[in-house]
Amino acid sequence: MNDAPQDEPYHVFPHLAIEDAPDPPVPEEVNLATLEWMPYYGDKFRDSAFGATASLAGKGAAHMLWWHAFKQPGVCLPNDERILAHVCGLKRTDKEWKEIKHEALDQFYICSNGRLYHPFISEVALESWSKKDRYSAAGKKAAKIRWDAMAMRSHSDGNTTAMRSDAIHATIQDNTIQD
């Protein structure tokens, strides 16, 4: 059920022309939803103008939006006040949302795909994606080394279990999920 009057726009940035907006800073394929953490730079937050001037409610709402964006493909938010208020635990018509939405959305900007991006969260996400990619590649390489070493040891012992391990290893390599 929509609790907003039908003639009232629900876009956060309805007045901006999408065709004049910049391209997204984070590619759509960047997806950090499986991470259970987001890097937090407390000193940067504390020492920022936002950290010094925003209300406690505005800071809390901003943190909820940062986390939500970080977990979305492309690390962005929809340009829809109803969803953004909901992410912050509020309704679009709530007086508190109307009072804090400008703080909560501080530094977010709209891009050519119609979605909202935060410059610092985008930077942190690209850094995290790069690390995740490197760790994944390193983990796959280490697993292959372990499998190969185990197969070599087993073959030299004449162990039939090694033959099964080799078959499993080949199957895993053939069915590896491509990211």
Foldseek 3Di string as FASTA:
>chain_A
DAPDDPVDDFFPCPPDDLVPFAAQLFDLQLAPLPDPDFDDDVVCCCPDPLNVDADPLLVLLLVLLQVVLLRHRSSWAARGNQVSQVSSVHGSPDPVCVVRVCSSCPQWDAHNVRTTDHVVSSVSSVVVSVVVVVVVVVVVVVVVVVLVVVLVVCVVVVHVVSVVSVVVVVVCVVPPDDD
